[in-house]
């Protein structure tokens, strides 16, 4: 069970130096064989694994979110 309050969603998140990044997974994990992107979060397997990594910087996560807008 998640400890994140229901009112916190990706849509109302303000990105700043003290914000928490929510893992982008929506529980629909299936990689499209032609594009290589997950049908749920639209990320590659490499990106999914990197999001889970404790050493992944907030800057990388922000850049990844911006890249998704152009896919």
N, C-alpha and C. Protein backbone atom coordinates (compact mmCIF):
# COMPACT_ATOMS: atom_id res chain seq x y z
N UNK A 1 0.84 -1.19 0.00
CA UNK A 1 0.00 0.00 0.00
C UNK A 1 0.88 1.25 0.00
N UNK A 2 0.58 2.18 -0.86
CA UNK A 2 1.36 3.40 -0.99
C UNK A 2 1.11 4.35 0.17
N UNK A 3 2.17 5.03 0.59
CA UNK A 3 2.05 6.03 1.64
C UNK A 3 1.92 7.43 1.05
N UNK A 4 1.85 7.53 -0.27
CA UNK A 4 1.72 8.82 -0.93
C UNK A 4 0.26 9.24 -0.90
N UNK A 5 -0.03 10.45 -0.43
CA UNK A 5 -1.43 10.91 -0.38
C UNK A 5 -2.09 10.89 -1.75
N UNK A 6 -3.38 10.59 -1.77
CA UNK A 6 -4.12 10.49 -3.03
C UNK A 6 -4.10 11.79 -3.82
N UNK A 7 -4.05 12.94 -3.12
CA UNK A 7 -4.11 14.21 -3.84
C UNK A 7 -2.82 14.54 -4.60
N UNK A 8 -1.78 13.76 -4.34
CA UNK A 8 -0.53 13.99 -5.07
C UNK A 8 -0.54 13.13 -6.33
N UNK A 9 -0.54 13.77 -7.45
CA UNK A 9 -0.50 13.07 -8.73
C UNK A 9 0.55 13.71 -9.61
N UNK A 10 0.92 13.06 -10.69
CA UNK A 10 1.89 13.66 -11.60
C UNK A 10 1.35 14.95 -12.19
N UNK A 11 0.04 15.07 -12.35
CA UNK A 11 -0.52 16.26 -12.98
C UNK A 11 -0.41 17.50 -12.10
N UNK A 12 -0.45 17.35 -10.78
CA UNK A 12 -0.38 18.53 -9.95
C UNK A 12 0.97 18.69 -9.26
N UNK A 13 1.98 17.96 -9.72
CA UNK A 13 3.31 18.05 -9.13
C UNK A 13 4.03 19.27 -9.67
N UNK A 14 4.57 20.07 -8.80
CA UNK A 14 5.43 21.18 -9.19
C UNK A 14 6.86 20.71 -9.06
N UNK A 15 7.61 20.77 -10.14
CA UNK A 15 8.97 20.27 -10.11
C UNK A 15 9.89 21.36 -9.60
N UNK A 16 10.61 21.07 -8.54
CA UNK A 16 11.54 22.00 -7.92
C UNK A 16 12.60 21.22 -7.17
N UNK A 17 13.48 21.92 -6.52
CA UNK A 17 14.62 21.26 -5.89
C UNK A 17 14.26 20.36 -4.72
N UNK A 18 13.10 20.53 -4.11
CA UNK A 18 12.75 19.72 -2.95
C UNK A 18 11.60 18.76 -3.21
N UNK A 19 11.19 18.62 -4.45
CA UNK A 19 10.06 17.75 -4.76
C UNK A 19 10.48 16.30 -4.86
N UNK A 20 9.54 15.42 -4.64
CA UNK A 20 9.75 13.99 -4.76
C UNK A 20 9.26 13.56 -6.13
N UNK A 21 10.04 12.75 -6.83
CA UNK A 21 9.62 12.25 -8.12
C UNK A 21 8.90 10.93 -7.94
N UNK A 22 7.70 10.84 -8.48
CA UNK A 22 6.95 9.60 -8.43
C UNK A 22 7.42 8.68 -9.54
N UNK A 23 7.56 7.40 -9.24
CA UNK A 23 7.91 6.43 -10.27
C UNK A 23 6.80 6.44 -11.31
N UNK A 24 7.13 6.55 -12.58
CA UNK A 24 6.13 6.72 -13.63
C UNK A 24 5.33 5.47 -13.99
N UNK A 25 5.63 4.33 -13.40
CA UNK A 25 4.93 3.10 -13.74
C UNK A 25 3.45 3.19 -13.38
N UNK A 26 2.60 2.72 -14.30
CA UNK A 26 1.16 2.70 -14.03
C UNK A 26 0.64 1.27 -13.93
N UNK A 27 1.56 0.30 -13.86
CA UNK A 27 1.17 -1.09 -13.67
C UNK A 27 0.76 -1.83 -14.93
N UNK A 28 1.04 -1.24 -16.09
CA UNK A 28 0.76 -1.90 -17.36
C UNK A 28 2.11 -2.12 -18.03
N UNK A 29 2.80 -3.15 -17.59
CA UNK A 29 4.17 -3.39 -18.05
C UNK A 29 4.18 -4.39 -19.20
N UNK A 30 4.29 -3.87 -20.40
CA UNK A 30 4.34 -4.70 -21.59
C UNK A 30 5.11 -3.92 -22.66
N UNK A 31 6.22 -4.48 -23.09
CA UNK A 31 7.07 -3.81 -24.07
C UNK A 31 6.59 -4.11 -25.48
N UNK A 32 6.34 -3.07 -26.25
CA UNK A 32 5.95 -3.20 -27.65
C UNK A 32 7.18 -3.65 -28.43
N UNK A 33 7.09 -4.76 -29.13
CA UNK A 33 8.24 -5.33 -29.83
C UNK A 33 8.72 -4.47 -30.99
N UNK A 34 7.86 -3.68 -31.60
CA UNK A 34 8.29 -2.87 -32.73
C UNK A 34 8.92 -1.55 -32.29
N UNK A 35 8.40 -0.93 -31.22
CA UNK A 35 8.95 0.36 -30.79
C UNK A 35 9.97 0.23 -29.67
N UNK A 36 9.85 -0.83 -28.86
CA UNK A 36 10.73 -0.98 -27.71
C UNK A 36 10.27 -0.21 -26.49
N UNK A 37 9.08 0.42 -26.57
CA UNK A 37 8.55 1.21 -25.46
C UNK A 37 7.49 0.43 -24.70
N UNK A 38 7.43 0.69 -23.39
CA UNK A 38 6.39 0.08 -22.55
C UNK A 38 5.04 0.68 -22.94
N UNK A 39 4.04 -0.16 -23.05
CA UNK A 39 2.70 0.31 -23.40
C UNK A 39 2.06 1.10 -22.26
N UNK A 40 2.55 0.94 -21.04
CA UNK A 40 2.00 1.66 -19.89
C UNK A 40 2.60 3.03 -19.69
N UNK A 41 3.94 3.09 -19.62
CA UNK A 41 4.60 4.37 -19.29
C UNK A 41 5.36 4.98 -20.46
N UNK A 42 5.42 4.28 -21.60
CA UNK A 42 6.07 4.76 -22.82
C UNK A 42 7.58 4.92 -22.66
N UNK A 43 8.18 4.14 -21.75
CA UNK A 43 9.62 4.18 -21.56
C UNK A 43 10.26 2.88 -22.05
N UNK A 44 11.56 2.96 -22.36
CA UNK A 44 12.31 1.75 -22.71
C UNK A 44 12.64 1.00 -21.42
N UNK A 45 13.04 -0.27 -21.56
CA UNK A 45 13.44 -1.04 -20.38
C UNK A 45 14.61 -0.36 -19.67
N UNK A 46 15.55 0.17 -20.44
CA UNK A 46 16.69 0.87 -19.85
C UNK A 46 16.22 2.04 -18.99
N UNK A 47 15.26 2.81 -19.50
CA UNK A 47 14.73 3.95 -18.74
C UNK A 47 13.99 3.49 -17.48
N UNK A 48 13.22 2.42 -17.59
CA UNK A 48 12.48 1.89 -16.44
C UNK A 48 13.46 1.50 -15.34
N UNK A 49 14.52 0.77 -15.71
CA UNK A 49 15.51 0.34 -14.71
C UNK A 49 16.23 1.54 -14.10
N UNK A 50 16.52 2.54 -14.94
CA UNK A 50 17.22 3.72 -14.43
C UNK A 50 16.35 4.49 -13.43
N UNK A 51 15.04 4.58 -13.69
CA UNK A 51 14.14 5.26 -12.76
C UNK A 51 14.18 4.61 -11.39
N UNK A 52 14.35 3.28 -11.36
CA UNK A 52 14.36 2.56 -10.09
C UNK A 52 15.68 2.72 -9.34
N UNK A 53 16.73 3.14 -10.02
CA UNK A 53 18.05 3.22 -9.41
C UNK A 53 18.16 4.34 -8.38
N UNK A 54 18.74 4.04 -7.22
CA UNK A 54 18.87 5.04 -6.17
C UNK A 54 19.84 6.17 -6.52
N UNK A 55 20.74 5.94 -7.46
CA UNK A 55 21.72 6.97 -7.81
C UNK A 55 21.27 7.84 -8.99
N UNK A 56 20.07 7.62 -9.50
CA UNK A 56 19.58 8.40 -10.63
C UNK A 56 19.25 9.82 -10.17
N UNK A 57 19.80 10.80 -10.85
CA UNK A 57 19.63 12.19 -10.44
C UNK A 57 18.25 12.74 -10.81
N UNK A 58 17.84 13.75 -10.07
CA UNK A 58 16.59 14.44 -10.38
C UNK A 58 16.66 15.09 -11.75
N UNK A 59 17.86 15.57 -12.12
CA UNK A 59 18.03 16.19 -13.44
C UNK A 59 17.75 15.19 -14.55
N UNK A 60 18.22 13.94 -14.38
CA UNK A 60 17.96 12.91 -15.40
C UNK A 60 16.47 12.63 -15.48
N UNK A 61 15.81 12.52 -14.34
CA UNK A 61 14.38 12.24 -14.32
C UNK A 61 13.59 13.35 -15.00
N UNK A 62 13.95 14.59 -14.76
CA UNK A 62 13.28 15.72 -15.40
C UNK A 62 13.51 15.68 -16.91
N UNK A 63 14.75 15.40 -17.33
CA UNK A 63 15.05 15.30 -18.76
C UNK A 63 14.26 14.17 -19.40
N UNK A 64 14.15 13.03 -18.71
CA UNK A 64 13.40 11.89 -19.23
C UNK A 64 11.92 12.25 -19.40
N UNK A 65 11.36 12.98 -18.45
CA UNK A 65 9.97 13.42 -18.56
C UNK A 65 9.78 14.31 -19.78
N UNK A 66 10.73 15.20 -20.03
CA UNK A 66 10.65 16.09 -21.19
C UNK A 66 10.77 15.30 -22.50
N UNK A 67 11.64 14.29 -22.52
CA UNK A 67 11.80 13.45 -23.72
C UNK A 67 10.50 12.72 -24.06
N UNK A 68 9.77 12.31 -23.04
CA UNK A 68 8.52 11.59 -23.27
C UNK A 68 7.49 12.44 -24.00
N UNK A 69 7.53 13.73 -23.77
CA UNK A 69 6.57 14.64 -24.42
C UNK A 69 6.78 14.67 -25.93
N UNK A 70 7.99 14.34 -26.37
CA UNK A 70 8.32 14.37 -27.80
C UNK A 70 8.22 13.02 -28.49
N UNK A 71 7.77 12.00 -27.77
CA UNK A 71 7.65 10.66 -28.36
C UNK A 71 6.33 10.50 -29.03
